Amino acid sequence: MNDLNQVVLTGRITRDPDIRYTPSGKKTARVSIAVNRSWNASKDPSVRDWKEEAFFVDISAWTYVADKIEKSAEKGLRVLVTGRLSIRDYTANDGTKKRATEIVATTFEIIGTPQNRQSSGEPAEAPGEDDLLKDFEVPEGSLHQGSGSEDHDVPFN
């Protein structure tokens, strides 16, 4: 039986895509997205002490997904990416051993305009988490339904 390796992320593209071809002519695309996270840092639920952080995720894609990225991706767009986590070791040009962590995209969807692009004077509203997850079943008692778990209870923050 195979284990599950499925990643779903939303974020904003941080740079225009890098499109390349393998020696056999297969198209590949690389892009990076910024994924924001916010949480209430207070241990007292009645106190709102919101903290925010962003982390950056490298995305790679092949063939038809690379075509879609080449045609539609640009810096600042909000995207929904699904794929699998890939961790690979390699040797850099200077001979040092390196490790790369990236998402190999199986789908890539534009879900919002760049933050600085406005139409009719107002920024475009991208779908919220509930809109994006409406087709997924959420098990009873999961974090999404409020199981009572808080970030400060997790030992590996």
C-alpha atoms as a PDB file:
ATOM      1  CA  MET A   1       0.000   0.000   0.000  1.00  0.00           C
ATOM      2  CA  ASN A   2       1.302   3.470  -0.870  1.00  0.00           C
ATOM      3  CA  ASP A   3       1.479   6.260   1.665  1.00  0.00           C
ATOM      4  CA  LEU A   4      -0.206   9.588   0.989  1.00  0.00           C
ATOM      5  CA  ASN A   5       1.970  12.411  -0.369  1.00  0.00           C
ATOM      6  CA  GLN A   6      -0.493  15.207  -1.192  1.00  0.00           C
ATOM      7  CA  VAL A   7       0.077  18.929  -0.704  1.00  0.00           C
ATOM      8  CA  VAL A   8      -2.483  21.726  -1.183  1.00  0.00           C
ATOM      9  CA  LEU A   9      -1.271  25.338  -0.905  1.00  0.00           C
ATOM     10  CA  THR A  10      -2.535  28.801  -1.698  1.00  0.00           C
ATOM     11  CA  GLY A  11      -0.183  31.722  -1.976  1.00  0.00           C
ATOM     12  CA  ARG A  12       1.129  34.542  -4.144  1.00  0.00           C
ATOM     13  CA  ILE A  13       3.698  34.062  -6.887  1.00  0.00           C
ATOM     14  CA  THR A  14       6.949  35.775  -5.871  1.00  0.00           C
ATOM     15  CA  ARG A  15       8.636  35.854  -9.285  1.00  0.00           C
ATOM     16  CA  ASP A  16       7.808  35.214 -12.906  1.00  0.00           C
ATOM     17  CA  PRO A  17       8.184  31.540 -13.885  1.00  0.00           C
ATOM     18  CA  ASP A  18      11.412  30.025 -15.186  1.00  0.00           C
ATOM     19  CA  ILE A  19      10.625  27.850 -18.221  1.00  0.00           C
ATOM     20  CA  ARG A  20      13.179  25.303 -19.443  1.00  0.00           C
ATOM     21  CA  TYR A  21      13.333  22.204 -21.607  1.00  0.00           C
ATOM     22  CA  THR A  22      14.997  18.866 -20.960  1.00  0.00           C
ATOM     23  CA  PRO A  23      17.396  17.501 -23.619  1.00  0.00           C
ATOM     24  CA  SER A  24      14.498  15.348 -24.889  1.00  0.00           C
ATOM     25  CA  GLY A  25      12.303  18.460 -25.307  1.00  0.00           C
ATOM     26  CA  LYS A  26      10.030  18.042 -22.283  1.00  0.00           C
ATOM     27  CA  LYS A  27       8.914  21.400 -20.814  1.00  0.00           C
ATOM     28  CA  THR A  28       9.448  22.199 -17.144  1.00  0.00           C
ATOM     29  CA  ALA A  29       8.463  25.277 -15.145  1.00  0.00           C
ATOM     30  CA  ARG A  30       9.736  26.570 -11.810  1.00  0.00           C
ATOM     31  CA  VAL A  31       8.057  29.246  -9.723  1.00  0.00           C
ATOM     32  CA  SER A  32       8.014  30.250  -6.067  1.00  0.00           C
ATOM     33  CA  ILE A  33       5.014  31.197  -3.943  1.00  0.00           C
ATOM     34  CA  ALA A  34       4.709  32.988  -0.613  1.00  0.00           C
ATOM     35  CA  VAL A  35       2.307  31.260   1.765  1.00  0.00           C
ATOM     36  CA  ASN A  36       1.004  33.346   4.671  1.00  0.00           C
ATOM     37  CA  ARG A  37       0.024  32.017   8.069  1.00  0.00           C
ATOM     38  CA  SER A  38      -1.604  33.907  10.930  1.00  0.00           C
ATOM     39  CA  TRP A  39      -2.450  32.813  14.458  1.00  0.00           C
ATOM     40  CA  ASN A  40      -3.521  34.138  17.808  1.00  0.00           C
ATOM     41  CA  ALA A  41      -0.365  34.081  19.968  1.00  0.00           C
ATOM     42  CA  SER A  42      -2.287  34.669  23.203  1.00  0.00           C
ATOM     43  CA  LYS A  43      -2.898  31.683  25.458  1.00  0.00           C
ATOM     44  CA  ASP A  44      -6.078  33.449  26.585  1.00  0.00           C
ATOM     45  CA  PRO A  45      -8.736  32.907  23.867  1.00  0.00           C
ATOM     46  CA  SER A  46     -10.462  36.165  24.816  1.00  0.00           C
ATOM     47  CA  VAL A  47      -7.311  38.184  23.949  1.00  0.00           C
ATOM     48  CA  ARG A  48      -6.473  38.755  20.302  1.00  0.00           C
ATOM     49  CA  ASP A  49      -2.704  38.942  19.713  1.00  0.00           C
ATOM     50  CA  TRP A  50      -2.482  38.127  16.010  1.00  0.00           C
ATOM     51  CA  LYS A  51       0.919  37.167  14.611  1.00  0.00           C
ATOM     52  CA  GLU A  52       1.710  36.573  10.973  1.00  0.00           C
ATOM     53  CA  GLU A  53       4.508  34.924   9.036  1.00  0.00           C
ATOM     54  CA  ALA A  54       5.204  33.985   5.448  1.00  0.00           C
ATOM     55  CA  PHE A  55       7.243  31.127   4.101  1.00  0.00           C
ATOM     56  CA  PHE A  56       8.381  30.540   0.547  1.00  0.00           C
ATOM     57  CA  VAL A  57       7.794  27.341  -1.379  1.00  0.00           C
ATOM     58  CA  ASP A  58       9.438  26.313  -4.644  1.00  0.00           C
ATOM     59  CA  ILE A  59       7.066  24.768  -7.169  1.00  0.00           C
ATOM     60  CA  SER A  60       8.106  22.693 -10.182  1.00  0.00           C
ATOM     61  CA  ALA A  61       5.856  21.399 -12.930  1.00  0.00           C
ATOM     62  CA  TRP A  62       6.130  19.325 -16.071  1.00  0.00           C
ATOM     63  CA  THR A  63       4.400  19.114 -19.467  1.00  0.00           C
ATOM     64  CA  TYR A  64       0.798  20.367 -19.477  1.00  0.00           C
ATOM     65  CA  VAL A  65       1.000  21.936 -15.986  1.00  0.00           C
ATOM     66  CA  ALA A  66       4.227  23.697 -17.096  1.00  0.00           C
ATOM     67  CA  ASP A  67       2.306  24.948 -20.179  1.00  0.00           C
ATOM     68  CA  LYS A  68      -0.395  26.402 -17.933  1.00  0.00           C
ATOM     69  CA  ILE A  69       2.187  28.108 -15.702  1.00  0.00           C
ATOM     70  CA  GLU A  70       3.991  29.554 -18.724  1.00  0.00           C
ATOM     71  CA  LYS A  71       0.747  31.005 -20.146  1.00  0.00           C
ATOM     72  CA  SER A  72      -0.872  32.341 -16.977  1.00  0.00           C
ATOM     73  CA  ALA A  73       1.578  32.776 -14.081  1.00  0.00           C
ATOM     74  CA  GLU A  74       2.978  36.177 -13.181  1.00  0.00           C
ATOM     75  CA  LYS A  75       4.414  37.734 -10.068  1.00  0.00           C
ATOM     76  CA  GLY A  76       1.754  38.717  -7.515  1.00  0.00           C
ATOM     77  CA  LEU A  77      -1.058  36.412  -8.676  1.00  0.00           C
ATOM     78  CA  ARG A  78      -2.771  34.345  -5.991  1.00  0.00           C
ATOM     79  CA  VAL A  79      -2.712  30.638  -6.882  1.00  0.00           C
ATOM     80  CA  LEU A  80      -3.947  27.273  -5.672  1.00  0.00           C
ATOM     81  CA  VAL A  81      -1.372  24.503  -6.154  1.00  0.00           C
ATOM     82  CA  THR A  82      -1.825  20.788  -5.541  1.00  0.00           C
ATOM     83  CA  GLY A  83       0.947  18.281  -5.906  1.00  0.00           C
ATOM     84  CA  ARG A  84       3.404  16.100  -4.073  1.00  0.00           C
ATOM     85  CA  LEU A  85       6.310  16.920  -1.781  1.00  0.00           C
ATOM     86  CA  SER A  86       9.722  16.187  -3.299  1.00  0.00           C
ATOM     87  CA  ILE A  87      13.001  16.251  -1.371  1.00  0.00           C
ATOM     88  CA  ARG A  88      16.168  15.618  -3.348  1.00  0.00           C
ATOM     89  CA  ASP A  89      19.879  15.767  -2.636  1.00  0.00           C
ATOM     90  CA  TYR A  90      22.325  17.219  -5.141  1.00  0.00           C
ATOM     91  CA  THR A  91      25.885  18.496  -5.433  1.00  0.00           C
ATOM     92  CA  ALA A  92      26.246  22.238  -6.044  1.00  0.00           C
ATOM     93  CA  ASN A  93      28.760  23.680  -8.524  1.00  0.00           C
ATOM     94  CA  ASP A  94      31.193  24.343  -5.654  1.00  0.00           C
ATOM     95  CA  GLY A  95      31.092  20.639  -4.633  1.00  0.00           C
ATOM     96  CA  THR A  96      28.968  21.058  -1.499  1.00  0.00           C
ATOM     97  CA  LYS A  97      26.096  18.699  -0.800  1.00  0.00           C
ATOM     98  CA  LYS A  98      22.681  20.404  -0.856  1.00  0.00           C
ATOM     99  CA  ARG A  99      19.077  19.404  -0.299  1.00  0.00           C
ATOM    100  CA  ALA A 100      16.140  20.866  -2.237  1.00  0.00           C
ATOM    101  CA  THR A 101      12.553  20.702  -1.026  1.00  0.00           C
ATOM    102  CA  GLU A 102       9.816  21.545  -3.515  1.00  0.00           C
ATOM    103  CA  ILE A 103       6.275  20.773  -4.551  1.00  0.00           C
ATOM    104  CA  VAL A 104       5.876  18.964  -7.860  1.00  0.00           C
ATOM    105  CA  ALA A 105       2.585  20.436  -9.079  1.00  0.00           C
ATOM    106  CA  THR A 106      -0.199  18.284 -10.487  1.00  0.00           C
ATOM    107  CA  THR A 107      -2.629  21.235 -10.701  1.00  0.00           C
ATOM    108  CA  PHE A 108      -2.067  24.984 -10.802  1.00  0.00           C
ATOM    109  CA  GLU A 109      -4.999  27.407 -10.682  1.00  0.00           C
ATOM    110  CA  ILE A 110      -5.082  31.217 -10.651  1.00  0.00           C
ATOM    111  CA  ILE A 111      -7.508  32.286  -7.884  1.00  0.00           C
ATOM    112  CA  GLY A 112      -6.842  36.030  -7.609  1.00  0.00           C
ATOM    113  CA  THR A 113      -5.217  39.065  -9.165  1.00  0.00           C
ATOM    114  CA  PRO A 114      -2.009  40.691  -7.916  1.00  0.00           C
ATOM    115  CA  GLN A 115      -2.463  42.756  -4.756  1.00  0.00           C
ATOM    116  CA  ASN A 116      -1.458  45.939  -6.556  1.00  0.00           C
ATOM    117  CA  ARG A 117      -3.799  45.418  -9.544  1.00  0.00           C
ATOM    118  CA  GLN A 118      -7.166  47.084  -9.156  1.00  0.00           C
ATOM    119  CA  SER A 119     -10.273  46.977 -11.251  1.00  0.00           C
ATOM    120  CA  SER A 120     -13.076  49.458 -10.653  1.00  0.00           C
ATOM    121  CA  GLY A 121     -11.108  50.941  -7.786  1.00  0.00           C
ATOM    122  CA  GLU A 122     -11.215  47.844  -5.575  1.00  0.00           C
ATOM    123  CA  PRO A 123      -8.804  44.915  -5.333  1.00  0.00           C
ATOM    124  CA  ALA A 124     -10.205  41.582  -6.480  1.00  0.00           C
ATOM    125  CA  GLU A 125     -11.449  39.341  -3.703  1.00  0.00           C
ATOM    126  CA  ALA A 126     -10.006  35.847  -3.902  1.00  0.00           C
ATOM    127  CA  PRO A 127     -11.966  32.871  -2.611  1.00  0.00           C
ATOM    128  CA  GLY A 128     -11.557  32.099   1.079  1.00  0.00           C
ATOM    129  CA  GLU A 129     -10.479  28.794   2.601  1.00  0.00           C
ATOM    130  CA  ASP A 130     -14.059  27.569   2.912  1.00  0.00           C
ATOM    131  CA  ASP A 131     -14.654  28.211  -0.816  1.00  0.00           C
ATOM    132  CA  LEU A 132     -11.466  26.359  -1.766  1.00  0.00           C
ATOM    133  CA  LEU A 133     -12.184  23.381   0.487  1.00  0.00           C
ATOM    134  CA  LYS A 134     -15.903  23.021  -0.233  1.00  0.00           C
ATOM    135  CA  ASP A 135     -15.356  19.864  -2.328  1.00  0.00           C
ATOM    136  CA  PHE A 136     -13.270  18.128   0.362  1.00  0.00           C
ATOM    137  CA  GLU A 137     -14.847  16.089   3.132  1.00  0.00           C
ATOM    138  CA  VAL A 138     -13.626  17.156   6.574  1.00  0.00           C
ATOM    139  CA  PRO A 139     -13.654  14.359   9.171  1.00  0.00           C
ATOM    140  CA  GLU A 140     -15.646  14.916  12.354  1.00  0.00           C
ATOM    141  CA  GLY A 141     -13.424  16.403  15.086  1.00  0.00           C
ATOM    142  CA  SER A 142     -10.734  17.608  12.691  1.00  0.00           C
ATOM    143  CA  LEU A 143      -8.852  20.865  13.237  1.00  0.00           C
ATOM    144  CA  HIS A 144     -10.969  22.543  10.550  1.00  0.00           C
ATOM    145  CA  GLN A 145     -14.087  21.896  12.609  1.00  0.00           C
ATOM    146  CA  GLY A 146     -12.521  23.171  15.818  1.00  0.00           C
ATOM    147  CA  SER A 147     -11.124  20.201  17.720  1.00  0.00           C
ATOM    148  CA  GLY A 148      -9.791  22.551  20.401  1.00  0.00           C
ATOM    149  CA  SER A 149      -6.127  22.103  19.417  1.00  0.00           C
ATOM    150  CA  GLU A 150      -4.103  25.304  19.405  1.00  0.00           C
ATOM    151  CA  ASP A 151      -0.741  26.003  17.762  1.00  0.00           C
ATOM    152  CA  HIS A 152       0.954  26.614  21.114  1.00  0.00           C
ATOM    153  CA  ASP A 153       0.174  23.005  22.112  1.00  0.00           C
ATOM    154  CA  VAL A 154       2.196  21.614  19.196  1.00  0.00           C
ATOM    155  CA  PRO A 155       5.751  20.717  20.297  1.00  0.00           C
ATOM    156  CA  PHE A 156       7.437  21.434  16.946  1.00  0.00           C
ATOM    157  CA  ASN A 157       6.601  25.088  16.167  1.00  0.00           C
END
